[in-house]
Amino acid sequence: MSYGPPTKTVGDVYNYVKRVFGDEAGVQLSNADIVRWINEAQHDINIVNKALQATATTPLVAGQTDYTLSGITPAIYEINSLLIDGRRIGNIPIAQAEESISLADPEGSENGAPQFWYEWANTIKFWPKPTAGGTIEIRYIAEPAEVTTNSSDLLSLRDEFFTDIVNYVLKNAYEMDENPEMMQMKAQEFQQSIAERGEKETNAQHMTYPTMTVYELY
């Protein structure tokens, strides 16, 4: 596994795909088509492989329960964990949160160290209302940045995913060319590769977090 920043560009994908496809002049494959497939590939790979791991911090303000996620860059696809001053805070679904709060704190007057958080409308909400400031640390999977037809645009995913990206692009190119055998071969290569990576990621997560902590309201 490579931990270095991405070095592959849209131009690298152009060159590889057009050479393998046999259309180096770009008569059949337009750059716009290839870029659309690159963006689809990066999105699909990231969903399965959790490839774009990022961390963001924001101040915790005493008396403030709601914190918007819209200003965080790169944009959040999925939150993995949230900590306040190094203490991991549990997450529960909004329906469970609202029901629990309505029973334990119907007036919304409870104050203290946050016990859990939930999300609604791109906003994180804590319960109870924090009584002291601190630092919120969000560990998350980021959205891949969409590339354009500019050959110098860097791919969002690390170089180890380059072959997966070009296989996805080639799959779509062969489908457009009505070549079902090659399309199926590239589709299988793509799916097998990201499935194997996804399985490794799942196993790693299970080793790190073998149990779930349940928070009871007081």
N, C-alpha and C. Protein backbone atom coordinates (compact mmCIF):
# COMPACT_ATOMS: atom_id res chain seq x y z
N MET A 1 0.83 -1.19 0.00
CA MET A 1 0.00 0.00 0.00
C MET A 1 0.87 1.25 0.00
N SER A 2 0.50 2.21 -0.82
CA SER A 2 1.23 3.47 -0.90
C SER A 2 0.55 4.52 -0.04
N TYR A 3 1.34 5.26 0.75
CA TYR A 3 0.80 6.30 1.59
C TYR A 3 1.17 7.70 1.09
N GLY A 4 1.85 7.76 -0.05
CA GLY A 4 2.24 9.04 -0.60
C GLY A 4 1.06 9.73 -1.28
N PRO A 5 1.20 11.03 -1.56
CA PRO A 5 0.13 11.76 -2.24
C PRO A 5 0.00 11.29 -3.68
N PRO A 6 -1.17 11.50 -4.29
CA PRO A 6 -1.36 11.10 -5.70
C PRO A 6 -0.41 11.84 -6.63
N THR A 7 0.09 11.13 -7.61
CA THR A 7 0.94 11.76 -8.64
C THR A 7 0.36 11.56 -10.04
N LYS A 8 -0.59 10.66 -10.18
CA LYS A 8 -1.18 10.39 -11.50
C LYS A 8 -2.17 11.49 -11.88
N THR A 9 -2.21 11.79 -13.17
CA THR A 9 -3.05 12.86 -13.68
C THR A 9 -4.09 12.34 -14.66
N VAL A 10 -4.99 13.24 -15.03
CA VAL A 10 -5.97 12.92 -16.08
C VAL A 10 -5.24 12.55 -17.36
N GLY A 11 -4.15 13.27 -17.66
CA GLY A 11 -3.38 12.96 -18.86
C GLY A 11 -2.82 11.56 -18.86
N ASP A 12 -2.42 11.06 -17.68
CA ASP A 12 -1.94 9.68 -17.59
C ASP A 12 -3.04 8.69 -17.95
N VAL A 13 -4.27 8.99 -17.51
CA VAL A 13 -5.39 8.12 -17.85
C VAL A 13 -5.67 8.19 -19.35
N TYR A 14 -5.69 9.39 -19.92
CA TYR A 14 -5.87 9.53 -21.37
C TYR A 14 -4.90 8.64 -22.12
N ASN A 15 -3.60 8.76 -21.78
CA ASN A 15 -2.57 8.04 -22.53
C ASN A 15 -2.73 6.53 -22.40
N TYR A 16 -2.97 6.06 -21.19
CA TYR A 16 -3.08 4.62 -20.94
C TYR A 16 -4.30 4.05 -21.65
N VAL A 17 -5.45 4.69 -21.43
CA VAL A 17 -6.70 4.16 -21.97
C VAL A 17 -6.70 4.19 -23.50
N LYS A 18 -6.29 5.29 -24.08
CA LYS A 18 -6.33 5.40 -25.55
C LYS A 18 -5.35 4.44 -26.21
N ARG A 19 -4.21 4.20 -25.55
CA ARG A 19 -3.23 3.25 -26.09
C ARG A 19 -3.78 1.83 -26.04
N VAL A 20 -4.34 1.43 -24.90
CA VAL A 20 -4.88 0.08 -24.75
C VAL A 20 -6.10 -0.12 -25.65
N PHE A 21 -6.93 0.90 -25.73
CA PHE A 21 -8.15 0.81 -26.53
C PHE A 21 -7.85 0.87 -28.03
N GLY A 22 -6.67 1.39 -28.38
CA GLY A 22 -6.30 1.50 -29.78
C GLY A 22 -6.89 2.72 -30.45
N ASP A 23 -7.00 3.81 -29.69
CA ASP A 23 -7.58 5.04 -30.23
C ASP A 23 -6.77 6.23 -29.73
N GLU A 24 -5.47 6.20 -30.03
CA GLU A 24 -4.60 7.25 -29.53
C GLU A 24 -4.91 8.61 -30.14
N ALA A 25 -5.57 8.61 -31.28
CA ALA A 25 -5.96 9.88 -31.91
C ALA A 25 -7.22 10.46 -31.28
N GLY A 26 -7.91 9.67 -30.45
CA GLY A 26 -9.12 10.16 -29.80
C GLY A 26 -10.30 10.30 -30.74
N VAL A 27 -10.37 9.42 -31.73
CA VAL A 27 -11.47 9.48 -32.69
C VAL A 27 -12.76 8.94 -32.06
N GLN A 28 -12.65 7.83 -31.35
CA GLN A 28 -13.83 7.21 -30.74
C GLN A 28 -14.08 7.70 -29.31
N LEU A 29 -12.99 7.83 -28.55
CA LEU A 29 -13.12 8.22 -27.14
C LEU A 29 -12.87 9.71 -26.98
N SER A 30 -13.87 10.42 -26.53
CA SER A 30 -13.67 11.85 -26.26
C SER A 30 -13.11 12.03 -24.86
N ASN A 31 -12.36 13.10 -24.67
CA ASN A 31 -11.83 13.39 -23.34
C ASN A 31 -12.96 13.60 -22.33
N ALA A 32 -14.06 14.17 -22.78
CA ALA A 32 -15.20 14.41 -21.88
C ALA A 32 -15.76 13.09 -21.36
N ASP A 33 -15.84 12.07 -22.24
CA ASP A 33 -16.32 10.75 -21.81
C ASP A 33 -15.37 10.15 -20.78
N ILE A 34 -14.07 10.22 -21.07
CA ILE A 34 -13.09 9.63 -20.17
C ILE A 34 -13.13 10.31 -18.80
N VAL A 35 -13.25 11.63 -18.78
CA VAL A 35 -13.30 12.36 -17.51
C VAL A 35 -14.54 11.99 -16.72
N ARG A 36 -15.65 11.85 -17.40
CA ARG A 36 -16.88 11.44 -16.70
C ARG A 36 -16.69 10.08 -16.04
N TRP A 37 -16.05 9.16 -16.74
CA TRP A 37 -15.83 7.82 -16.19
C TRP A 37 -14.78 7.85 -15.07
N ILE A 38 -13.78 8.72 -15.18
CA ILE A 38 -12.80 8.85 -14.10
C ILE A 38 -13.50 9.27 -12.81
N ASN A 39 -14.37 10.27 -12.92
CA ASN A 39 -15.08 10.75 -11.72
C ASN A 39 -15.99 9.67 -11.15
N GLU A 40 -16.66 8.91 -12.01
CA GLU A 40 -17.50 7.81 -11.53
C GLU A 40 -16.64 6.76 -10.84
N ALA A 41 -15.49 6.43 -11.43
CA ALA A 41 -14.60 5.41 -10.87
C ALA A 41 -14.10 5.82 -9.49
N GLN A 42 -13.64 7.06 -9.36
CA GLN A 42 -13.12 7.51 -8.08
C GLN A 42 -14.20 7.47 -7.00
N HIS A 43 -15.42 7.86 -7.37
CA HIS A 43 -16.53 7.82 -6.42
C HIS A 43 -16.81 6.39 -5.97
N ASP A 44 -16.93 5.47 -6.93
CA ASP A 44 -17.25 4.08 -6.60
C ASP A 44 -16.15 3.41 -5.78
N ILE A 45 -14.90 3.65 -6.16
CA ILE A 45 -13.77 3.07 -5.42
C ILE A 45 -13.76 3.58 -3.99
N ASN A 46 -13.99 4.87 -3.84
CA ASN A 46 -13.93 5.48 -2.51
C ASN A 46 -15.01 4.94 -1.58
N ILE A 47 -16.19 4.67 -2.13
CA ILE A 47 -17.28 4.12 -1.32
C ILE A 47 -16.88 2.76 -0.74
N VAL A 48 -16.29 1.92 -1.56
CA VAL A 48 -15.96 0.56 -1.13
C VAL A 48 -14.67 0.53 -0.30
N ASN A 49 -13.67 1.28 -0.73
CA ASN A 49 -12.34 1.15 -0.15
C ASN A 49 -11.99 2.20 0.89
N LYS A 50 -12.90 3.16 1.14
CA LYS A 50 -12.62 4.21 2.14
C LYS A 50 -11.24 4.81 1.90
N ALA A 51 -10.97 5.17 0.66
CA ALA A 51 -9.62 5.54 0.25
C ALA A 51 -9.20 6.92 0.71
N LEU A 52 -10.14 7.86 0.76
CA LEU A 52 -9.78 9.25 1.08
C LEU A 52 -10.06 9.54 2.55
N GLN A 53 -9.13 9.21 3.39
CA GLN A 53 -9.28 9.41 4.83
C GLN A 53 -8.75 10.80 5.20
N ALA A 54 -9.55 11.54 5.96
CA ALA A 54 -9.18 12.91 6.30
C ALA A 54 -9.58 13.21 7.74
N THR A 55 -9.03 14.29 8.27
CA THR A 55 -9.33 14.75 9.62
C THR A 55 -9.57 16.26 9.59
N ALA A 56 -10.60 16.70 10.30
CA ALA A 56 -10.89 18.12 10.43
C ALA A 56 -11.11 18.45 11.89
N THR A 57 -10.77 19.66 12.28
CA THR A 57 -11.01 20.11 13.65
C THR A 57 -11.79 21.41 13.63
N THR A 58 -12.58 21.60 14.67
CA THR A 58 -13.35 22.84 14.84
C THR A 58 -13.55 23.06 16.33
N PRO A 59 -13.66 24.30 16.77
CA PRO A 59 -13.82 24.55 18.22
C PRO A 59 -15.18 24.08 18.74
N LEU A 60 -15.17 23.48 19.93
CA LEU A 60 -16.40 23.21 20.67
C LEU A 60 -16.68 24.44 21.53
N VAL A 61 -17.89 24.97 21.42
CA VAL A 61 -18.26 26.20 22.10
C VAL A 61 -19.24 25.88 23.22
N ALA A 62 -18.96 26.34 24.41
CA ALA A 62 -19.86 26.12 25.54
C ALA A 62 -21.24 26.68 25.22
N GLY A 63 -22.28 25.86 25.45
CA GLY A 63 -23.65 26.27 25.21
C GLY A 63 -24.14 26.06 23.79
N GLN A 64 -23.27 25.63 22.88
CA GLN A 64 -23.65 25.43 21.47
C GLN A 64 -23.76 23.94 21.17
N THR A 65 -24.93 23.52 20.70
CA THR A 65 -25.15 22.10 20.41
C THR A 65 -24.99 21.75 18.94
N ASP A 66 -25.18 22.72 18.02
CA ASP A 66 -25.20 22.44 16.58
C ASP A 66 -23.94 22.96 15.89
N TYR A 67 -23.39 22.12 14.97
CA TYR A 67 -22.18 22.49 14.24
C TYR A 67 -22.34 22.05 12.79
N THR A 68 -22.27 23.00 11.86
CA THR A 68 -22.47 22.69 10.45
C THR A 68 -21.26 21.98 9.86
N LEU A 69 -21.52 21.11 8.91
CA LEU A 69 -20.46 20.38 8.23
C LEU A 69 -20.14 20.98 6.86
N SER A 70 -20.92 21.96 6.43
CA SER A 70 -20.83 22.45 5.05
C SER A 70 -19.51 23.16 4.75
N GLY A 71 -18.84 23.72 5.76
CA GLY A 71 -17.62 24.45 5.50
C GLY A 71 -16.36 23.61 5.54
N ILE A 72 -16.49 22.32 5.80
CA ILE A 72 -15.32 21.46 5.92
C ILE A 72 -14.82 21.05 4.54
N THR A 73 -13.52 21.19 4.33
CA THR A 73 -12.90 20.77 3.07
C THR A 73 -11.69 19.87 3.37
N PRO A 74 -11.49 18.81 2.56
CA PRO A 74 -12.40 18.35 1.51
C PRO A 74 -13.75 17.92 2.10
N ALA A 75 -14.77 17.93 1.27
CA ALA A 75 -16.12 17.65 1.73
C ALA A 75 -16.23 16.25 2.31
N ILE A 76 -17.10 16.11 3.30
CA ILE A 76 -17.29 14.84 3.99
C ILE A 76 -18.22 13.93 3.20
N TYR A 77 -17.79 12.69 2.99
CA TYR A 77 -18.68 11.66 2.44
C TYR A 77 -19.29 10.85 3.59
N GLU A 78 -18.45 10.46 4.54
CA GLU A 78 -18.91 9.61 5.64
C GLU A 78 -18.03 9.85 6.86
N ILE A 79 -18.65 10.10 8.01
CA ILE A 79 -17.90 10.29 9.25
C ILE A 79 -17.57 8.94 9.86
N ASN A 80 -16.30 8.75 10.19
CA ASN A 80 -15.88 7.50 10.80
C ASN A 80 -15.92 7.58 12.33
N SER A 81 -15.42 8.68 12.88
CA SER A 81 -15.46 8.86 14.32
C SER A 81 -15.36 10.34 14.65
N LEU A 82 -15.78 10.67 15.87
CA LEU A 82 -15.74 12.07 16.33
C LEU A 82 -15.24 12.08 17.76
N LEU A 83 -14.29 12.97 18.04
CA LEU A 83 -13.70 13.07 19.37
C LEU A 83 -13.77 14.51 19.87
N ILE A 84 -13.93 14.66 21.17
CA ILE A 84 -13.82 15.96 21.82
C ILE A 84 -12.66 15.89 22.79
N ASP A 85 -11.64 16.70 22.51
CA ASP A 85 -10.41 16.70 23.33
C ASP A 85 -9.88 15.29 23.52
N GLY A 86 -9.91 14.50 22.44
CA GLY A 86 -9.36 13.16 22.48
C GLY A 86 -10.30 12.09 22.98
N ARG A 87 -11.50 12.47 23.46
CA ARG A 87 -12.47 11.49 23.95
C ARG A 87 -13.48 11.18 22.85
N ARG A 88 -13.56 9.90 22.50
CA ARG A 88 -14.47 9.51 21.42
C ARG A 88 -15.92 9.64 21.90
N ILE A 89 -16.74 10.29 21.06
CA ILE A 89 -18.15 10.49 21.36
C ILE A 89 -18.98 9.56 20.47
N GLY A 90 -19.92 8.85 21.06
CA GLY A 90 -20.73 7.91 20.30
C GLY A 90 -21.73 8.61 19.39
N ASN A 91 -22.09 7.92 18.31
CA ASN A 91 -23.07 8.41 17.35
C ASN A 91 -24.28 7.50 17.36
N ILE A 92 -25.50 8.09 17.33
CA ILE A 92 -26.71 7.29 17.25
C ILE A 92 -27.62 7.88 16.17
N PRO A 93 -28.52 7.06 15.59
CA PRO A 93 -29.43 7.56 14.57
C PRO A 93 -30.33 8.67 15.12
N ILE A 94 -30.77 9.55 14.25
CA ILE A 94 -31.54 10.71 14.69
C ILE A 94 -32.84 10.30 15.38
N ALA A 95 -33.51 9.27 14.86
CA ALA A 95 -34.78 8.85 15.48
C ALA A 95 -34.55 8.40 16.92
N GLN A 96 -33.49 7.63 17.13
CA GLN A 96 -33.17 7.16 18.48
C GLN A 96 -32.77 8.33 19.37
N ALA A 97 -32.00 9.28 18.81
CA ALA A 97 -31.58 10.43 19.59
C ALA A 97 -32.77 11.26 20.04
N GLU A 98 -33.67 11.56 19.12
CA GLU A 98 -34.82 12.39 19.45
C GLU A 98 -35.73 11.73 20.47
N GLU A 99 -35.91 10.42 20.33
CA GLU A 99 -36.75 9.71 21.29
C GLU A 99 -36.10 9.70 22.68
N SER A 100 -34.80 9.44 22.71
CA SER A 100 -34.10 9.40 24.00
C SER A 100 -34.11 10.76 24.68
N ILE A 101 -33.86 11.81 23.90
CA ILE A 101 -33.82 13.16 24.46
C ILE A 101 -35.20 13.59 24.94
N SER A 102 -36.24 13.22 24.19
CA SER A 102 -37.60 13.61 24.58
C SER A 102 -38.00 12.98 25.91
N LEU A 103 -37.43 11.82 26.22
CA LEU A 103 -37.74 11.15 27.49
C LEU A 103 -36.85 11.66 28.63
N ALA A 104 -35.56 11.84 28.34
CA ALA A 104 -34.62 12.20 29.41
C ALA A 104 -34.48 13.70 29.61
N ASP A 105 -34.72 14.47 28.56
CA ASP A 105 -34.47 15.92 28.64
C ASP A 105 -35.47 16.67 27.77
N PRO A 106 -36.76 16.55 28.06
CA PRO A 106 -37.79 17.14 27.19
C PRO A 106 -37.70 18.65 27.07
N GLU A 107 -37.16 19.32 28.06
CA GLU A 107 -37.04 20.78 28.03
C GLU A 107 -35.75 21.24 27.34
N GLY A 108 -34.87 20.30 27.04
CA GLY A 108 -33.60 20.65 26.41
C GLY A 108 -32.71 21.48 27.30
N SER A 109 -32.78 21.24 28.59
CA SER A 109 -32.05 22.06 29.55
C SER A 109 -30.82 21.37 30.13
N GLU A 110 -30.62 20.11 29.76
CA GLU A 110 -29.50 19.34 30.33
C GLU A 110 -28.17 19.89 29.82
N ASN A 111 -27.23 20.07 30.71
CA ASN A 111 -25.89 20.55 30.38
C ASN A 111 -24.85 19.57 30.89
N GLY A 112 -23.71 19.53 30.21
CA GLY A 112 -22.63 18.65 30.65
C GLY A 112 -21.74 18.28 29.50
N ALA A 113 -20.86 17.33 29.74
CA ALA A 113 -19.99 16.83 28.67
C ALA A 113 -20.84 16.04 27.68
N PRO A 114 -20.77 16.33 26.36
CA PRO A 114 -21.57 15.59 25.37
C PRO A 114 -21.38 14.08 25.49
N GLN A 115 -22.50 13.36 25.48
CA GLN A 115 -22.49 11.90 25.59
C GLN A 115 -22.65 11.22 24.23
N PHE A 116 -23.32 11.89 23.30
CA PHE A 116 -23.46 11.35 21.96
C PHE A 116 -23.74 12.49 20.98
N TRP A 117 -23.62 12.16 19.67
CA TRP A 117 -23.96 13.11 18.63
C TRP A 117 -24.82 12.42 17.58
N TYR A 118 -25.59 13.20 16.88
CA TYR A 118 -26.36 12.70 15.75
C TYR A 118 -26.33 13.76 14.66
N GLU A 119 -26.77 13.39 13.45
CA GLU A 119 -26.63 14.28 12.31
C GLU A 119 -27.97 14.49 11.62
N TRP A 120 -28.20 15.73 11.21
CA TRP A 120 -29.39 16.06 10.43
C TRP A 120 -29.11 17.32 9.61
N ALA A 121 -29.49 17.28 8.32
CA ALA A 121 -29.36 18.44 7.42
C ALA A 121 -27.93 19.00 7.43
N ASN A 122 -26.97 18.08 7.30
CA ASN A 122 -25.56 18.47 7.23
C ASN A 122 -25.07 19.19 8.48
N THR A 123 -25.70 18.86 9.62
CA THR A 123 -25.34 19.49 10.88
C THR A 123 -25.17 18.42 11.96
N ILE A 124 -24.08 18.52 12.73
CA ILE A 124 -23.85 17.66 13.88
C ILE A 124 -24.52 18.29 15.10
N LYS A 125 -25.22 17.46 15.87
CA LYS A 125 -25.89 17.92 17.08
C LYS A 125 -25.42 17.09 18.27
N PHE A 126 -25.07 17.77 19.37
CA PHE A 126 -24.59 17.09 20.57
C PHE A 126 -25.66 17.08 21.65
N TRP A 127 -25.63 16.03 22.47
CA TRP A 127 -26.42 16.00 23.72
C TRP A 127 -25.54 15.43 24.81
N PRO A 128 -25.59 16.03 26.01
CA PRO A 128 -26.28 17.28 26.35
C PRO A 128 -25.52 18.50 25.85
N LYS A 129 -26.05 19.68 26.15
CA LYS A 129 -25.42 20.93 25.75
C LYS A 129 -24.08 21.07 26.46
N PRO A 130 -22.99 21.29 25.70
CA PRO A 130 -21.67 21.35 26.34
C PRO A 130 -21.56 22.54 27.29
N THR A 131 -20.93 22.30 28.41
CA THR A 131 -20.74 23.36 29.40
C THR A 131 -19.36 24.00 29.32
N ALA A 132 -18.49 23.41 28.52
CA ALA A 132 -17.13 23.94 28.40
C ALA A 132 -16.68 23.85 26.95
N GLY A 133 -15.72 24.69 26.59
CA GLY A 133 -15.17 24.65 25.25
C GLY A 133 -14.17 23.52 25.10
N GLY A 134 -13.66 23.37 23.90
CA GLY A 134 -12.70 22.31 23.61
C GLY A 134 -12.46 22.23 22.12
N THR A 135 -11.99 21.09 21.67
CA THR A 135 -11.72 20.88 20.26
C THR A 135 -12.45 19.64 19.76
N ILE A 136 -13.24 19.82 18.70
CA ILE A 136 -13.90 18.70 18.04
C ILE A 136 -12.99 18.20 16.93
N GLU A 137 -12.70 16.92 16.93
CA GLU A 137 -11.91 16.31 15.87
C GLU A 137 -12.79 15.31 15.12
N ILE A 138 -12.91 15.50 13.82
CA ILE A 138 -13.74 14.64 12.98
C ILE A 138 -12.84 13.84 12.06
N ARG A 139 -12.91 12.53 12.18
CA ARG A 139 -12.18 11.63 11.27
C ARG A 139 -13.19 11.10 10.27
N TYR A 140 -12.91 11.30 8.99
CA TYR A 140 -13.94 11.02 7.99
C TYR A 140 -13.36 10.56 6.65
N ILE A 141 -14.26 10.02 5.82
CA ILE A 141 -13.94 9.70 4.44
C ILE A 141 -14.38 10.89 3.59
N ALA A 142 -13.45 11.44 2.82
CA ALA A 142 -13.72 12.64 2.04
C ALA A 142 -14.30 12.30 0.67
N GLU A 143 -14.99 13.26 0.09
CA GLU A 143 -15.47 13.14 -1.29
C GLU A 143 -14.30 13.36 -2.24
N PRO A 144 -14.15 12.53 -3.29
CA PRO A 144 -13.11 12.81 -4.28
C PRO A 144 -13.41 14.12 -5.01
N ALA A 145 -12.38 14.89 -5.27
CA ALA A 145 -12.56 16.11 -6.06
C ALA A 145 -12.77 15.72 -7.53
N GLU A 146 -13.75 16.30 -8.16
CA GLU A 146 -14.00 15.98 -9.57
C GLU A 146 -12.93 16.60 -10.45
N VAL A 147 -12.42 15.79 -11.37
CA VAL A 147 -11.41 16.29 -12.32
C VAL A 147 -12.11 16.85 -13.55
N THR A 148 -11.37 17.64 -14.31
CA THR A 148 -11.87 18.21 -15.55
C THR A 148 -11.08 17.61 -16.72
N THR A 149 -11.33 18.11 -17.90
CA THR A 149 -10.62 17.60 -19.08
C THR A 149 -9.18 18.10 -19.16
N ASN A 150 -8.77 18.94 -18.23
CA ASN A 150 -7.40 19.43 -18.18
C ASN A 150 -6.46 18.27 -17.87
N SER A 151 -5.51 18.01 -18.75
CA SER A 151 -4.62 16.86 -18.60
C SER A 151 -3.79 16.90 -17.32
N SER A 152 -3.57 18.11 -16.79
CA SER A 152 -2.72 18.23 -15.60
C SER A 152 -3.48 18.04 -14.30
N ASP A 153 -4.79 17.88 -14.35
CA ASP A 153 -5.57 17.66 -13.13
C ASP A 153 -5.09 16.38 -12.43
N LEU A 154 -4.80 16.50 -11.14
CA LEU A 154 -4.40 15.32 -10.36
C LEU A 154 -5.61 14.49 -9.98
N LEU A 155 -5.46 13.18 -10.01
CA LEU A 155 -6.50 12.30 -9.48
C LEU A 155 -6.53 12.44 -7.97
N SER A 156 -7.70 12.19 -7.36
CA SER A 156 -7.83 12.29 -5.91
C SER A 156 -7.26 11.07 -5.21
N LEU A 157 -7.37 9.90 -5.84
CA LEU A 157 -6.96 8.66 -5.19
C LEU A 157 -5.47 8.39 -5.38
N ARG A 158 -4.90 7.69 -4.42
CA ARG A 158 -3.48 7.36 -4.46
C ARG A 158 -3.15 6.54 -5.71
N ASP A 159 -1.87 6.52 -6.06
CA ASP A 159 -1.43 5.87 -7.30
C ASP A 159 -1.77 4.38 -7.34
N GLU A 160 -1.90 3.75 -6.17
CA GLU A 160 -2.22 2.31 -6.14
C GLU A 160 -3.58 2.01 -6.76
N PHE A 161 -4.45 3.04 -6.85
CA PHE A 161 -5.77 2.85 -7.43
C PHE A 161 -5.82 3.18 -8.93
N PHE A 162 -4.67 3.53 -9.50
CA PHE A 162 -4.65 3.97 -10.90
C PHE A 162 -5.17 2.87 -11.84
N THR A 163 -4.70 1.65 -11.64
CA THR A 163 -5.14 0.54 -12.51
C THR A 163 -6.64 0.32 -12.39
N ASP A 164 -7.19 0.45 -11.18
CA ASP A 164 -8.63 0.30 -11.01
C ASP A 164 -9.38 1.38 -11.78
N ILE A 165 -8.87 2.60 -11.75
CA ILE A 165 -9.53 3.70 -12.46
C ILE A 165 -9.51 3.44 -13.96
N VAL A 166 -8.36 3.06 -14.51
CA VAL A 166 -8.30 2.85 -15.96
C VAL A 166 -9.13 1.63 -16.37
N ASN A 167 -9.21 0.60 -15.52
CA ASN A 167 -10.05 -0.54 -15.85
C ASN A 167 -11.52 -0.14 -15.90
N TYR A 168 -11.94 0.74 -14.99
CA TYR A 168 -13.32 1.23 -15.02
C TYR A 168 -13.57 2.02 -16.30
N VAL A 169 -12.64 2.87 -16.66
CA VAL A 169 -12.78 3.66 -17.88
C VAL A 169 -12.83 2.74 -19.10
N LEU A 170 -11.93 1.76 -19.15
CA LEU A 170 -11.91 0.83 -20.28
C LEU A 170 -13.19 0.01 -20.36
N LYS A 171 -13.72 -0.37 -19.20
CA LYS A 171 -15.00 -1.10 -19.19
C LYS A 171 -16.07 -0.31 -19.93
N ASN A 172 -16.17 0.97 -19.62
CA ASN A 172 -17.18 1.81 -20.26
C ASN A 172 -16.86 2.07 -21.73
N ALA A 173 -15.57 2.18 -22.04
CA ALA A 173 -15.18 2.39 -23.43
C ALA A 173 -15.55 1.18 -24.29
N TYR A 174 -15.29 -0.02 -23.76
CA TYR A 174 -15.64 -1.22 -24.52
C TYR A 174 -17.16 -1.40 -24.62
N GLU A 175 -17.87 -0.98 -23.61
CA GLU A 175 -19.33 -1.03 -23.69
C GLU A 175 -19.83 -0.10 -24.78
N MET A 176 -19.27 1.10 -24.86
CA MET A 176 -19.65 2.03 -25.91
C MET A 176 -19.29 1.49 -27.29
N ASP A 177 -18.20 0.73 -27.34
CA ASP A 177 -17.71 0.15 -28.61
C ASP A 177 -18.43 -1.14 -28.95
N GLU A 178 -19.40 -1.54 -28.09
CA GLU A 178 -20.16 -2.78 -28.28
C GLU A 178 -19.24 -3.99 -28.38
N ASN A 179 -18.32 -4.08 -27.42
CA ASN A 179 -17.41 -5.21 -27.31
C ASN A 179 -17.66 -5.87 -25.96
N PRO A 180 -18.68 -6.75 -25.87
CA PRO A 180 -19.10 -7.29 -24.58
C PRO A 180 -18.04 -8.14 -23.89
N GLU A 181 -17.21 -8.84 -24.64
CA GLU A 181 -16.20 -9.70 -24.02
C GLU A 181 -15.17 -8.86 -23.26
N MET A 182 -14.65 -7.83 -23.92
CA MET A 182 -13.66 -6.98 -23.26
C MET A 182 -14.29 -6.17 -22.13
N MET A 183 -15.53 -5.74 -22.35
CA MET A 183 -16.23 -5.00 -21.30
C MET A 183 -16.37 -5.85 -20.05
N GLN A 184 -16.77 -7.11 -20.23
CA GLN A 184 -16.96 -8.01 -19.10
C GLN A 184 -15.63 -8.30 -18.40
N MET A 185 -14.58 -8.45 -19.16
CA MET A 185 -13.27 -8.74 -18.57
C MET A 185 -12.80 -7.58 -17.70
N LYS A 186 -12.92 -6.36 -18.22
CA LYS A 186 -12.49 -5.20 -17.45
C LYS A 186 -13.40 -4.95 -16.25
N ALA A 187 -14.68 -5.24 -16.40
CA ALA A 187 -15.61 -5.10 -15.27
C ALA A 187 -15.24 -6.06 -14.15
N GLN A 188 -14.89 -7.31 -14.50
CA GLN A 188 -14.51 -8.29 -13.50
C GLN A 188 -13.20 -7.90 -12.80
N GLU A 189 -12.24 -7.41 -13.58
CA GLU A 189 -10.97 -6.98 -13.00
C GLU A 189 -11.19 -5.83 -12.01
N PHE A 190 -12.04 -4.89 -12.40
CA PHE A 190 -12.33 -3.75 -11.53
C PHE A 190 -13.03 -4.19 -10.26
N GLN A 191 -14.09 -4.96 -10.40
CA GLN A 191 -14.86 -5.39 -9.24
C GLN A 191 -14.05 -6.26 -8.30
N GLN A 192 -13.26 -7.17 -8.86
CA GLN A 192 -12.45 -8.06 -8.01
C GLN A 192 -11.42 -7.27 -7.22
N SER A 193 -10.79 -6.31 -7.88
CA SER A 193 -9.75 -5.53 -7.21
C SER A 193 -10.32 -4.70 -6.06
N ILE A 194 -11.41 -3.97 -6.31
CA ILE A 194 -11.94 -3.11 -5.23
C ILE A 194 -12.60 -3.94 -4.14
N ALA A 195 -13.14 -5.14 -4.49
CA ALA A 195 -13.72 -6.00 -3.47
C ALA A 195 -12.64 -6.53 -2.53
N GLU A 196 -11.49 -6.91 -3.10
CA GLU A 196 -10.38 -7.40 -2.27
C GLU A 196 -9.87 -6.29 -1.36
N ARG A 197 -9.75 -5.09 -1.89
CA ARG A 197 -9.30 -3.96 -1.07
C ARG A 197 -10.33 -3.65 0.01
N GLY A 198 -11.62 -3.71 -0.37
CA GLY A 198 -12.68 -3.44 0.59
C GLY A 198 -12.71 -4.44 1.72
N GLU A 199 -12.43 -5.69 1.40
CA GLU A 199 -12.39 -6.74 2.44
C GLU A 199 -11.24 -6.48 3.41
N LYS A 200 -10.10 -6.06 2.89
CA LYS A 200 -8.96 -5.74 3.75
C LYS A 200 -9.29 -4.57 4.66
N GLU A 201 -9.98 -3.56 4.12
CA GLU A 201 -10.36 -2.40 4.92
C GLU A 201 -11.33 -2.79 6.02
N THR A 202 -12.31 -3.64 5.69
CA THR A 202 -13.28 -4.10 6.68
C THR A 202 -12.60 -4.88 7.79
N ASN A 203 -11.69 -5.77 7.42
CA ASN A 203 -10.96 -6.56 8.42
C ASN A 203 -10.14 -5.67 9.33
N ALA A 204 -9.51 -4.66 8.75
CA ALA A 204 -8.70 -3.74 9.55
C ALA A 204 -9.56 -2.98 10.54
N GLN A 205 -10.74 -2.56 10.12
CA GLN A 205 -11.63 -1.83 11.00
C GLN A 205 -12.13 -2.71 12.13
N HIS A 206 -12.44 -3.97 11.82
CA HIS A 206 -12.92 -4.88 12.86
C HIS A 206 -11.83 -5.16 13.89
N MET A 207 -10.59 -5.18 13.44
CA MET A 207 -9.49 -5.39 14.39
C MET A 207 -9.33 -4.17 15.29
N THR A 208 -9.62 -2.98 14.74
CA THR A 208 -9.43 -1.75 15.51
C THR A 208 -10.60 -1.49 16.44
N TYR A 209 -11.82 -1.78 15.97
CA TYR A 209 -13.01 -1.51 16.77
C TYR A 209 -13.86 -2.78 16.87
N PRO A 210 -13.47 -3.72 17.74
CA PRO A 210 -14.16 -5.00 17.80
C PRO A 210 -15.55 -4.93 18.41
N THR A 211 -15.86 -3.87 19.19
CA THR A 211 -17.17 -3.79 19.83
C THR A 211 -17.73 -2.39 19.67
N MET A 212 -19.03 -2.27 19.83
CA MET A 212 -19.71 -1.00 19.81
C MET A 212 -20.09 -0.63 21.24
N THR A 213 -19.91 0.64 21.60
CA THR A 213 -20.26 1.11 22.93
C THR A 213 -21.66 1.69 22.89
N VAL A 214 -22.51 1.27 23.83
CA VAL A 214 -23.87 1.76 23.93
C VAL A 214 -23.94 2.77 25.05
N TYR A 215 -24.47 3.95 24.75
CA TYR A 215 -24.58 5.02 25.75
C TYR A 215 -26.00 5.10 26.28
N GLU A 216 -26.13 5.04 27.58
CA GLU A 216 -27.45 5.16 28.22
C GLU A 216 -27.60 6.56 28.79
N LEU A 217 -28.75 7.16 28.57
CA LEU A 217 -29.01 8.49 29.11
C LEU A 217 -29.29 8.39 30.59
N TYR A 218 -28.89 9.39 31.30
CA TYR A 218 -29.15 9.42 32.75
C TYR A 218 -30.27 10.40 33.05
